[in-house]
All heavy atoms as atom14 arrays in JSON, in Angstrom:
{
  "sequence": "DNDGLEVETFHGKKINTANKHGTGCTYASAIAACLAKGYNLRKAVAIA",
  "atom14_mask": [
    [1, 1, 1, 1, 1, 1, 1, 1, 0, 0, 0, 0, 0, 0],
    [1, 1, 1, 1, 1, 1, 1, 1, 0, 0, 0, 0, 0, 0],
    [1, 1, 1, 1, 1, 1, 1, 1, 0, 0, 0, 0, 0, 0],
    [1, 1, 1, 1, 0, 0, 0, 0, 0, 0, 0, 0, 0, 0],
    [1, 1, 1, 1, 1, 1, 1, 1, 0, 0, 0, 0, 0, 0],
    [1, 1, 1, 1, 1, 1, 1, 1, 1, 0, 0, 0, 0, 0],
    [1, 1, 1, 1, 1, 1, 1, 0, 0, 0, 0, 0, 0, 0],
    [1, 1, 1, 1, 1, 1, 1, 1, 1, 0, 0, 0, 0, 0],
    [1, 1, 1, 1, 1, 1, 1, 0, 0, 0, 0, 0, 0, 0],
    [1, 1, 1, 1, 1, 1, 1, 1, 1, 1, 1, 0, 0, 0],
    [1, 1, 1, 1, 1, 1, 1, 1, 1, 1, 0, 0, 0, 0],
    [1, 1, 1, 1, 0, 0, 0, 0, 0, 0, 0, 0, 0, 0],
    [1, 1, 1, 1, 1, 1, 1, 1, 1, 0, 0, 0, 0, 0],
    [1, 1, 1, 1, 1, 1, 1, 1, 1, 0, 0, 0, 0, 0],
    [1, 1, 1, 1, 1, 1, 1, 1, 0, 0, 0, 0, 0, 0],
    [1, 1, 1, 1, 1, 1, 1, 1, 0, 0, 0, 0, 0, 0],
    [1, 1, 1, 1, 1, 1, 1, 0, 0, 0, 0, 0, 0, 0],
    [1, 1, 1, 1, 1, 0, 0, 0, 0, 0, 0, 0, 0, 0],
    [1, 1, 1, 1, 1, 1, 1, 1, 0, 0, 0, 0, 0, 0],
    [1, 1, 1, 1, 1, 1, 1, 1, 1, 0, 0, 0, 0, 0],
    [1, 1, 1, 1, 1, 1, 1, 1, 1, 1, 0, 0, 0, 0],
    [1, 1, 1, 1, 0, 0, 0, 0, 0, 0, 0, 0, 0, 0],
    [1, 1, 1, 1, 1, 1, 1, 0, 0, 0, 0, 0, 0, 0],
    [1, 1, 1, 1, 0, 0, 0, 0, 0, 0, 0, 0, 0, 0],
    [1, 1, 1, 1, 1, 1, 0, 0, 0, 0, 0, 0, 0, 0],
    [1, 1, 1, 1, 1, 1, 1, 0, 0, 0, 0, 0, 0, 0],
    [1, 1, 1, 1, 1, 1, 1, 1, 1, 1, 1, 1, 0, 0],
    [1, 1, 1, 1, 1, 0, 0, 0, 0, 0, 0, 0, 0, 0],
    [1, 1, 1, 1, 1, 1, 0, 0, 0, 0, 0, 0, 0, 0],
    [1, 1, 1, 1, 1, 0, 0, 0, 0, 0, 0, 0, 0, 0],
    [1, 1, 1, 1, 1, 1, 1, 1, 0, 0, 0, 0, 0, 0],
    [1, 1, 1, 1, 1, 0, 0, 0, 0, 0, 0, 0, 0, 0],
    [1, 1, 1, 1, 1, 0, 0, 0, 0, 0, 0, 0, 0, 0],
    [1, 1, 1, 1, 1, 1, 0, 0, 0, 0, 0, 0, 0, 0],
    [1, 1, 1, 1, 1, 1, 1, 1, 0, 0, 0, 0, 0, 0],
    [1, 1, 1, 1, 1, 0, 0, 0, 0, 0, 0, 0, 0, 0],
    [1, 1, 1, 1, 1, 1, 1, 1, 1, 0, 0, 0, 0, 0],
    [1, 1, 1, 1, 0, 0, 0, 0, 0, 0, 0, 0, 0, 0],
    [1, 1, 1, 1, 1, 1, 1, 1, 1, 1, 1, 1, 0, 0],
    [1, 1, 1, 1, 1, 1, 1, 1, 0, 0, 0, 0, 0, 0],
    [1, 1, 1, 1, 1, 1, 1, 1, 0, 0, 0, 0, 0, 0],
    [1, 1, 1, 1, 1, 1, 1, 1, 1, 1, 1, 0, 0, 0],
    [1, 1, 1, 1, 1, 1, 1, 1, 1, 0, 0, 0, 0, 0],
    [1, 1, 1, 1, 1, 0, 0, 0, 0, 0, 0, 0, 0, 0],
    [1, 1, 1, 1, 1, 1, 1, 0, 0, 0, 0, 0, 0, 0],
    [1, 1, 1, 1, 1, 0, 0, 0, 0, 0, 0, 0, 0, 0],
    [1, 1, 1, 1, 1, 1, 1, 1, 0, 0, 0, 0, 0, 0],
    [1, 1, 1, 1, 1, 0, 0, 0, 0, 0, 0, 0, 0, 0]
  ],
  "atom14_positions": [
    [[14.2, 0.36, -13.01], [14.42, 1.54, -13.83], [15.72, 1.34, -14.61], [16.34, 0.28, -14.55], [14.45, 2.83, -13.0], [15.65, 2.92, -12.07], [16.57, 2.08, -12.18], [15.66, 3.82, -11.21], [0.0, 0.0, 0.0], [0.0, 0.0, 0.0], [0.0, 0.0, 0.0], [0.0, 0.0, 0.0], [0.0, 0.0, 0.0], [0.0, 0.0, 0.0]],
    [[16.13, 2.34, -15.36], [17.29, 2.18, -16.25], [18.58, 1.9, -15.49], [19.5, 1.28, -16.02], [17.46, 3.43, -17.11], [16.31, 3.62, -18.07], [15.7, 2.65, -18.49], [16.02, 4.87, -18.42], [0.0, 0.0, 0.0], [0.0, 0.0, 0.0], [0.0, 0.0, 0.0], [0.0, 0.0, 0.0], [0.0, 0.0, 0.0], [0.0, 0.0, 0.0]],
    [[18.65, 2.33, -14.24], [19.87, 2.18, -13.46], [19.82, 1.0, -12.49], [20.73, 0.82, -11.68], [20.16, 3.47, -12.68], [20.36, 4.67, -13.59], [21.01, 4.49, -14.64], [19.83, 5.75, -13.27], [0.0, 0.0, 0.0], [0.0, 0.0, 0.0], [0.0, 0.0, 0.0], [0.0, 0.0, 0.0], [0.0, 0.0, 0.0], [0.0, 0.0, 0.0]],
    [[18.75, 0.21, -12.55], [18.63, -0.91, -11.62], [17.29, -0.9, -10.93], [16.25, -0.99, -11.59], [0.0, 0.0, 0.0], [0.0, 0.0, 0.0], [0.0, 0.0, 0.0], [0.0, 0.0, 0.0], [0.0, 0.0, 0.0], [0.0, 0.0, 0.0], [0.0, 0.0, 0.0], [0.0, 0.0, 0.0], [0.0, 0.0, 0.0], [0.0, 0.0, 0.0]],
    [[17.3, -0.75, -9.61], [16.07, -0.76, -8.84], [15.7, 0.65, -8.39], [16.54, 1.41, -7.93], [16.21, -1.65, -7.59], [16.26, -3.16, -7.78], [16.31, -3.83, -6.42], [15.07, -3.65, -8.57], [0.0, 0.0, 0.0], [0.0, 0.0, 0.0], [0.0, 0.0, 0.0], [0.0, 0.0, 0.0], [0.0, 0.0, 0.0], [0.0, 0.0, 0.0]],
    [[14.41, 0.95, -8.51], [13.86, 2.18, -7.94], [13.01, 1.78, -6.75], [12.25, 0.82, -6.82], [13.02, 2.92, -8.97], [12.37, 4.2, -8.44], [11.46, 4.85, -9.46], [11.37, 4.35, -10.6], [10.83, 5.87, -9.1], [0.0, 0.0, 0.0], [0.0, 0.0, 0.0], [0.0, 0.0, 0.0], [0.0, 0.0, 0.0], [0.0, 0.0, 0.0]],
    [[13.14, 2.5, -5.64], [12.37, 2.16, -4.45], [11.74, 3.42, -3.86], [12.36, 4.49, -3.84], [13.25, 1.45, -3.38], [14.42, 2.32, -2.95], [12.41, 1.03, -2.18], [0.0, 0.0, 0.0], [0.0, 0.0, 0.0], [0.0, 0.0, 0.0], [0.0, 0.0, 0.0], [0.0, 0.0, 0.0], [0.0, 0.0, 0.0], [0.0, 0.0, 0.0]],
    [[10.51, 3.28, -3.41], [9.83, 4.36, -2.69], [9.37, 3.8, -1.36], [8.78, 2.71, -1.3], [8.65, 4.89, -3.48], [7.95, 6.05, -2.79], [7.0, 6.81, -3.69], [7.02, 6.58, -4.91], [6.22, 7.63, -3.16], [0.0, 0.0, 0.0], [0.0, 0.0, 0.0], [0.0, 0.0, 0.0], [0.0, 0.0, 0.0], [0.0, 0.0, 0.0]],
    [[9.65, 4.53, -0.28], [9.3, 4.08, 1.07], [8.02, 4.76, 1.54], [7.87, 5.98, 1.43], [10.44, 4.4, 2.05], [11.64, 3.77, 1.59], [10.11, 3.88, 3.44], [0.0, 0.0, 0.0], [0.0, 0.0, 0.0], [0.0, 0.0, 0.0], [0.0, 0.0, 0.0], [0.0, 0.0, 0.0], [0.0, 0.0, 0.0], [0.0, 0.0, 0.0]],
    [[7.13, 3.95, 2.08], [5.89, 4.46, 2.67], [6.0, 4.23, 4.18], [6.0, 3.1, 4.66], [4.68, 3.72, 2.09], [4.51, 3.96, 0.61], [5.21, 3.2, -0.3], [3.68, 4.97, 0.15], [5.09, 3.43, -1.67], [3.54, 5.21, -1.21], [4.25, 4.44, -2.12], [0.0, 0.0, 0.0], [0.0, 0.0, 0.0], [0.0, 0.0, 0.0]],
    [[6.12, 5.33, 4.91], [6.44, 5.26, 6.33], [5.21, 5.0, 7.19], [4.09, 5.43, 6.87], [7.11, 6.57, 6.77], [8.43, 6.81, 6.12], [9.6, 6.24, 6.57], [8.77, 7.56, 5.03], [10.6, 6.63, 5.81], [10.13, 7.42, 4.86], [0.0, 0.0, 0.0], [0.0, 0.0, 0.0], [0.0, 0.0, 0.0], [0.0, 0.0, 0.0]],
    [[5.43, 4.29, 8.28], [4.36, 4.03, 9.23], [4.93, 3.58, 10.57], [6.12, 3.24, 10.66], [0.0, 0.0, 0.0], [0.0, 0.0, 0.0], [0.0, 0.0, 0.0], [0.0, 0.0, 0.0], [0.0, 0.0, 0.0], [0.0, 0.0, 0.0], [0.0, 0.0, 0.0], [0.0, 0.0, 0.0], [0.0, 0.0, 0.0], [0.0, 0.0, 0.0]],
    [[4.1, 3.6, 11.58], [4.48, 3.15, 12.92], [3.64, 1.93, 13.3], [2.48, 1.82, 12.92], [4.25, 4.25, 13.95], [5.15, 5.47, 13.78], [6.59, 5.13, 14.14], [7.48, 6.38, 14.08], [8.89, 6.06, 14.37], [0.0, 0.0, 0.0], [0.0, 0.0, 0.0], [0.0, 0.0, 0.0], [0.0, 0.0, 0.0], [0.0, 0.0, 0.0]],
    [[4.25, 1.0, 14.03], [3.51, -0.16, 14.48], [2.44, 0.24, 15.49], [2.65, 1.13, 16.31], [4.47, -1.19, 15.1], [5.38, -1.85, 14.07], [6.27, -2.9, 14.71], [7.18, -3.54, 13.66], [8.13, -4.51, 14.24], [0.0, 0.0, 0.0], [0.0, 0.0, 0.0], [0.0, 0.0, 0.0], [0.0, 0.0, 0.0], [0.0, 0.0, 0.0]],
    [[1.31, -0.43, 15.4], [0.18, -0.16, 16.28], [0.06, -1.34, 17.24], [-0.03, -2.5, 16.81], [-1.11, 0.04, 15.47], [-0.95, 1.22, 14.5], [-2.3, 0.26, 16.4], [-2.03, 1.3, 13.45], [0.0, 0.0, 0.0], [0.0, 0.0, 0.0], [0.0, 0.0, 0.0], [0.0, 0.0, 0.0], [0.0, 0.0, 0.0], [0.0, 0.0, 0.0]],
    [[0.07, -1.06, 18.52], [0.1, -2.11, 19.54], [-1.31, -2.67, 19.76], [-2.08, -2.18, 20.6], [0.67, -1.57, 20.85], [0.82, -2.65, 21.9], [0.93, -3.83, 21.56], [0.84, -2.26, 23.16], [0.0, 0.0, 0.0], [0.0, 0.0, 0.0], [0.0, 0.0, 0.0], [0.0, 0.0, 0.0], [0.0, 0.0, 0.0], [0.0, 0.0, 0.0]],
    [[-1.65, -3.69, 18.99], [-2.94, -4.35, 19.13], [-2.84, -5.76, 18.55], [-2.06, -6.0, 17.62], [-4.05, -3.57, 18.4], [-5.27, -4.32, 18.47], [-3.71, -3.35, 16.93], [0.0, 0.0, 0.0], [0.0, 0.0, 0.0], [0.0, 0.0, 0.0], [0.0, 0.0, 0.0], [0.0, 0.0, 0.0], [0.0, 0.0, 0.0], [0.0, 0.0, 0.0]],
    [[-3.64, -6.67, 19.09], [-3.73, -8.01, 18.52], [-4.73, -8.08, 17.38], [-4.82, -9.07, 16.67], [-4.13, -9.01, 19.61], [0.0, 0.0, 0.0], [0.0, 0.0, 0.0], [0.0, 0.0, 0.0], [0.0, 0.0, 0.0], [0.0, 0.0, 0.0], [0.0, 0.0, 0.0], [0.0, 0.0, 0.0], [0.0, 0.0, 0.0], [0.0, 0.0, 0.0]],
    [[-5.49, -7.0, 17.2], [-6.56, -6.99, 16.2], [-6.04, -6.6, 14.82], [-6.29, -5.51, 14.32], [-7.67, -6.03, 16.63], [-8.37, -6.5, 17.88], [-8.25, -7.66, 18.26], [-9.1, -5.61, 18.53], [0.0, 0.0, 0.0], [0.0, 0.0, 0.0], [0.0, 0.0, 0.0], [0.0, 0.0, 0.0], [0.0, 0.0, 0.0], [0.0, 0.0, 0.0]],
    [[-5.31, -7.53, 14.22], [-4.74, -7.28, 12.89], [-5.08, -8.39, 11.9], [-4.47, -8.51, 10.85], [-3.22, -7.13, 13.0], [-2.78, -5.9, 13.79], [-1.28, -5.77, 13.85], [-0.86, -4.55, 14.67], [0.62, -4.42, 14.75], [0.0, 0.0, 0.0], [0.0, 0.0, 0.0], [0.0, 0.0, 0.0], [0.0, 0.0, 0.0], [0.0, 0.0, 0.0]],
    [[-6.07, -9.2, 12.25], [-6.5, -10.26, 11.35], [-7.07, -9.65, 10.07], [-7.93, -8.78, 10.11], [-7.57, -11.12, 12.04], [-8.06, -12.27, 11.21], [-7.22, -13.17, 10.61], [-9.33, -12.65, 10.87], [-7.94, -14.07, 9.94], [-9.22, -13.77, 10.09], [0.0, 0.0, 0.0], [0.0, 0.0, 0.0], [0.0, 0.0, 0.0], [0.0, 0.0, 0.0]],
    [[-6.56, -10.07, 8.93], [-7.04, -9.56, 7.65], [-6.34, -8.3, 7.17], [-6.75, -7.72, 6.17], [0.0, 0.0, 0.0], [0.0, 0.0, 0.0], [0.0, 0.0, 0.0], [0.0, 0.0, 0.0], [0.0, 0.0, 0.0], [0.0, 0.0, 0.0], [0.0, 0.0, 0.0], [0.0, 0.0, 0.0], [0.0, 0.0, 0.0], [0.0, 0.0, 0.0]],
    [[-5.27, -7.91, 7.85], [-4.58, -6.67, 7.46], [-4.04, -6.75, 6.04], [-4.19, -5.81, 5.24], [-3.43, -6.38, 8.44], [-3.95, -6.27, 9.76], [-2.73, -5.08, 8.07], [0.0, 0.0, 0.0], [0.0, 0.0, 0.0], [0.0, 0.0, 0.0], [0.0, 0.0, 0.0], [0.0, 0.0, 0.0], [0.0, 0.0, 0.0], [0.0, 0.0, 0.0]],
    [[-3.39, -7.87, 5.71], [-2.82, -8.0, 4.37], [-3.87, -8.01, 3.29], [-3.71, -7.38, 2.24], [0.0, 0.0, 0.0], [0.0, 0.0, 0.0], [0.0, 0.0, 0.0], [0.0, 0.0, 0.0], [0.0, 0.0, 0.0], [0.0, 0.0, 0.0], [0.0, 0.0, 0.0], [0.0, 0.0, 0.0], [0.0, 0.0, 0.0], [0.0, 0.0, 0.0]],
    [[-4.97, -8.72, 3.53], [-6.09, -8.74, 2.58], [-6.64, -7.33, 2.37], [-6.91, -6.9, 1.25], [-7.2, -9.64, 3.09], [-6.72, -11.34, 3.45], [0.0, 0.0, 0.0], [0.0, 0.0, 0.0], [0.0, 0.0, 0.0], [0.0, 0.0, 0.0], [0.0, 0.0, 0.0], [0.0, 0.0, 0.0], [0.0, 0.0, 0.0], [0.0, 0.0, 0.0]],
    [[-6.81, -6.63, 3.48], [-7.37, -5.28, 3.43], [-6.47, -4.33, 2.65], [-6.94, -3.56, 1.79], [-7.59, -4.77, 4.87], [-8.53, -5.63, 5.53], [-8.09, -3.34, 4.89], [0.0, 0.0, 0.0], [0.0, 0.0, 0.0], [0.0, 0.0, 0.0], [0.0, 0.0, 0.0], [0.0, 0.0, 0.0], [0.0, 0.0, 0.0], [0.0, 0.0, 0.0]],
    [[-5.19, -4.38, 2.93], [-4.22, -3.51, 2.27], [-4.22, -3.74, 0.76], [-4.32, -2.8, -0.05], [-2.84, -3.79, 2.87], [-1.75, -2.77, 2.6], [-1.96, -1.63, 1.86], [-0.47, -2.99, 3.13], [-0.94, -0.72, 1.64], [0.56, -2.09, 2.92], [0.32, -0.96, 2.17], [1.34, -0.07, 1.95], [0.0, 0.0, 0.0], [0.0, 0.0, 0.0]],
    [[-4.11, -5.0, 0.35], [-4.07, -5.31, -1.08], [-5.38, -4.93, -1.77], [-5.38, -4.42, -2.9], [-3.77, -6.79, -1.28], [0.0, 0.0, 0.0], [0.0, 0.0, 0.0], [0.0, 0.0, 0.0], [0.0, 0.0, 0.0], [0.0, 0.0, 0.0], [0.0, 0.0, 0.0], [0.0, 0.0, 0.0], [0.0, 0.0, 0.0], [0.0, 0.0, 0.0]],
    [[-6.5, -5.18, -1.1], [-7.79, -4.81, -1.68], [-7.95, -3.3, -1.8], [-8.55, -2.81, -2.75], [-8.93, -5.39, -0.83], [-8.9, -6.79, -0.86], [0.0, 0.0, 0.0], [0.0, 0.0, 0.0], [0.0, 0.0, 0.0], [0.0, 0.0, 0.0], [0.0, 0.0, 0.0], [0.0, 0.0, 0.0], [0.0, 0.0, 0.0], [0.0, 0.0, 0.0]],
    [[-7.42, -2.58, -0.83], [-7.47, -1.12, -0.89], [-6.65, -0.59, -2.06], [-7.05, 0.35, -2.75], [-6.98, -0.52, 0.43], [0.0, 0.0, 0.0], [0.0, 0.0, 0.0], [0.0, 0.0, 0.0], [0.0, 0.0, 0.0], [0.0, 0.0, 0.0], [0.0, 0.0, 0.0], [0.0, 0.0, 0.0], [0.0, 0.0, 0.0], [0.0, 0.0, 0.0]],
    [[-5.5, -1.21, -2.31], [-4.69, -0.83, -3.47], [-5.48, -1.07, -4.75], [-5.54, -0.22, -5.65], [-3.36, -1.6, -3.5], [-2.49, -1.21, -2.31], [-2.61, -1.34, -4.81], [-1.27, -2.1, -2.13], [0.0, 0.0, 0.0], [0.0, 0.0, 0.0], [0.0, 0.0, 0.0], [0.0, 0.0, 0.0], [0.0, 0.0, 0.0], [0.0, 0.0, 0.0]],
    [[-6.11, -2.25, -4.85], [-6.9, -2.58, -6.04], [-8.05, -1.59, -6.23], [-8.33, -1.16, -7.35], [-7.43, -4.01, -5.94], [0.0, 0.0, 0.0], [0.0, 0.0, 0.0], [0.0, 0.0, 0.0], [0.0, 0.0, 0.0], [0.0, 0.0, 0.0], [0.0, 0.0, 0.0], [0.0, 0.0, 0.0], [0.0, 0.0, 0.0], [0.0, 0.0, 0.0]],
    [[-8.73, -1.24, -5.14], [-9.84, -0.29, -5.23], [-9.36, 1.06, -5.76], [-10.04, 1.69, -6.59], [-10.5, -0.13, -3.86], [0.0, 0.0, 0.0], [0.0, 0.0, 0.0], [0.0, 0.0, 0.0], [0.0, 0.0, 0.0], [0.0, 0.0, 0.0], [0.0, 0.0, 0.0], [0.0, 0.0, 0.0], [0.0, 0.0, 0.0], [0.0, 0.0, 0.0]],
    [[-8.21, 1.49, -5.29], [-7.67, 2.78, -5.74], [-7.22, 2.72, -7.2], [-7.4, 3.69, -7.96], [-6.51, 3.21, -4.85], [-7.02, 3.65, -3.18], [0.0, 0.0, 0.0], [0.0, 0.0, 0.0], [0.0, 0.0, 0.0], [0.0, 0.0, 0.0], [0.0, 0.0, 0.0], [0.0, 0.0, 0.0], [0.0, 0.0, 0.0], [0.0, 0.0, 0.0]],
    [[-6.65, 1.6, -7.63], [-6.3, 1.43, -9.04], [-7.56, 1.43, -9.9], [-7.57, 2.0, -11.0], [-5.51, 0.14, -9.24], [-4.11, 0.09, -8.64], [-3.51, -1.3, -8.82], [-3.19, 1.14, -9.26], [0.0, 0.0, 0.0], [0.0, 0.0, 0.0], [0.0, 0.0, 0.0], [0.0, 0.0, 0.0], [0.0, 0.0, 0.0], [0.0, 0.0, 0.0]],
    [[-8.61, 0.81, -9.4], [-9.88, 0.79, -10.13], [-10.42, 2.21, -10.34], [-11.03, 2.51, -11.37], [-10.91, -0.05, -9.37], [0.0, 0.0, 0.0], [0.0, 0.0, 0.0], [0.0, 0.0, 0.0], [0.0, 0.0, 0.0], [0.0, 0.0, 0.0], [0.0, 0.0, 0.0], [0.0, 0.0, 0.0], [0.0, 0.0, 0.0], [0.0, 0.0, 0.0]],
    [[-10.16, 3.07, -9.37], [-10.65, 4.45, -9.45], [-9.74, 5.35, -10.27], [-10.0, 6.54, -10.42], [-10.82, 5.0, -8.04], [-11.89, 4.26, -7.24], [-11.96, 4.69, -5.8], [-12.75, 5.96, -5.64], [-13.02, 6.25, -4.2], [0.0, 0.0, 0.0], [0.0, 0.0, 0.0], [0.0, 0.0, 0.0], [0.0, 0.0, 0.0], [0.0, 0.0, 0.0]],
    [[-8.64, 4.79, -10.8], [-7.81, 5.54, -11.73], [-6.55, 6.14, -11.16], [-5.81, 6.82, -11.86], [0.0, 0.0, 0.0], [0.0, 0.0, 0.0], [0.0, 0.0, 0.0], [0.0, 0.0, 0.0], [0.0, 0.0, 0.0], [0.0, 0.0, 0.0], [0.0, 0.0, 0.0], [0.0, 0.0, 0.0], [0.0, 0.0, 0.0], [0.0, 0.0, 0.0]],
    [[-6.25, 5.9, -9.87], [-5.02, 6.41, -9.29], [-3.82, 5.62, -9.83], [-3.94, 4.42, -10.13], [-5.05, 6.29, -7.77], [-6.04, 7.19, -7.09], [-7.22, 6.68, -6.53], [-5.8, 8.56, -6.98], [-8.13, 7.51, -5.9], [-6.72, 9.4, -6.34], [-7.88, 8.86, -5.81], [-8.78, 9.69, -5.19], [0.0, 0.0, 0.0], [0.0, 0.0, 0.0]],
    [[-2.66, 6.28, -9.94], [-1.46, 5.54, -10.28], [-1.04, 4.7, -9.07], [-1.56, 4.86, -7.97], [-0.34, 6.45, -10.76], [0.17, 7.42, -9.7], [0.34, 7.05, -8.53], [0.42, 8.66, -10.08], [0.0, 0.0, 0.0], [0.0, 0.0, 0.0], [0.0, 0.0, 0.0], [0.0, 0.0, 0.0], [0.0, 0.0, 0.0], [0.0, 0.0, 0.0]],
    [[-0.09, 3.79, -9.3], [0.23, 2.81, -8.25], [0.76, 3.48, -6.99], [0.38, 3.09, -5.87], [1.23, 1.79, -8.78], [1.65, 0.7, -7.8], [0.44, -0.08, -7.29], [2.67, -0.23, -8.43], [0.0, 0.0, 0.0], [0.0, 0.0, 0.0], [0.0, 0.0, 0.0], [0.0, 0.0, 0.0], [0.0, 0.0, 0.0], [0.0, 0.0, 0.0]],
    [[1.63, 4.45, -7.11], [2.2, 5.09, -5.92], [1.12, 5.77, -5.08], [1.1, 5.67, -3.86], [3.29, 6.08, -6.32], [4.57, 5.39, -6.76], [5.54, 6.35, -7.43], [6.79, 5.67, -7.77], [6.94, 4.86, -8.82], [5.9, 4.63, -9.62], [8.1, 4.27, -9.07], [0.0, 0.0, 0.0], [0.0, 0.0, 0.0], [0.0, 0.0, 0.0]],
    [[0.21, 6.47, -5.75], [-0.88, 7.12, -5.03], [-1.81, 6.07, -4.43], [-2.3, 6.23, -3.29], [-1.66, 8.02, -5.99], [-2.78, 8.82, -5.32], [-2.25, 9.85, -4.35], [-3.37, 10.76, -3.83], [-2.87, 11.72, -2.82], [0.0, 0.0, 0.0], [0.0, 0.0, 0.0], [0.0, 0.0, 0.0], [0.0, 0.0, 0.0], [0.0, 0.0, 0.0]],
    [[-2.05, 4.99, -5.16], [-2.92, 3.92, -4.66], [-2.34, 3.3, -3.39], [-3.08, 3.04, -2.42], [-3.11, 2.85, -5.73], [0.0, 0.0, 0.0], [0.0, 0.0, 0.0], [0.0, 0.0, 0.0], [0.0, 0.0, 0.0], [0.0, 0.0, 0.0], [0.0, 0.0, 0.0], [0.0, 0.0, 0.0], [0.0, 0.0, 0.0], [0.0, 0.0, 0.0]],
    [[-1.03, 3.05, -3.37], [-0.4, 2.47, -2.19], [-0.48, 3.45, -1.01], [-0.77, 3.05, 0.13], [1.07, 2.1, -2.48], [1.8, 1.7, -1.2], [1.14, 0.96, -3.49], [0.0, 0.0, 0.0], [0.0, 0.0, 0.0], [0.0, 0.0, 0.0], [0.0, 0.0, 0.0], [0.0, 0.0, 0.0], [0.0, 0.0, 0.0], [0.0, 0.0, 0.0]],
    [[-0.25, 4.73, -1.28], [-0.3, 5.72, -0.2], [-1.69, 5.8, 0.43], [-1.83, 5.82, 1.65], [0.12, 7.09, -0.75], [0.0, 0.0, 0.0], [0.0, 0.0, 0.0], [0.0, 0.0, 0.0], [0.0, 0.0, 0.0], [0.0, 0.0, 0.0], [0.0, 0.0, 0.0], [0.0, 0.0, 0.0], [0.0, 0.0, 0.0], [0.0, 0.0, 0.0]],
    [[-2.72, 5.83, -0.41], [-4.09, 5.88, 0.11], [-4.42, 4.6, 0.86], [-5.02, 4.62, 1.95], [-5.1, 6.12, -1.03], [-4.89, 7.5, -1.67], [-6.53, 5.98, -0.53], [-5.71, 7.74, -2.92], [0.0, 0.0, 0.0], [0.0, 0.0, 0.0], [0.0, 0.0, 0.0], [0.0, 0.0, 0.0], [0.0, 0.0, 0.0], [0.0, 0.0, 0.0]],
    [[-4.03, 3.46, 0.28], [-4.33, 2.17, 0.89], [-3.65, 2.01, 2.24], [-4.23, 1.47, 3.18], [-3.92, 1.04, -0.05], [0.0, 0.0, 0.0], [0.0, 0.0, 0.0], [0.0, 0.0, 0.0], [0.0, 0.0, 0.0], [0.0, 0.0, 0.0], [0.0, 0.0, 0.0], [0.0, 0.0, 0.0], [0.0, 0.0, 0.0], [0.0, 0.0, 0.0]]
  ]
}
């Protein structure tokens, strides 16, 4: 932004499980799906 960096934090808690294979793929794909549906990036990240 005009003053340097703008940051928005999306809060979450760690989930105690070994079943996290594909988490990064899923998260990024969910963001893309939400962008495809017309959401702005912040809303897309929140939904994803």
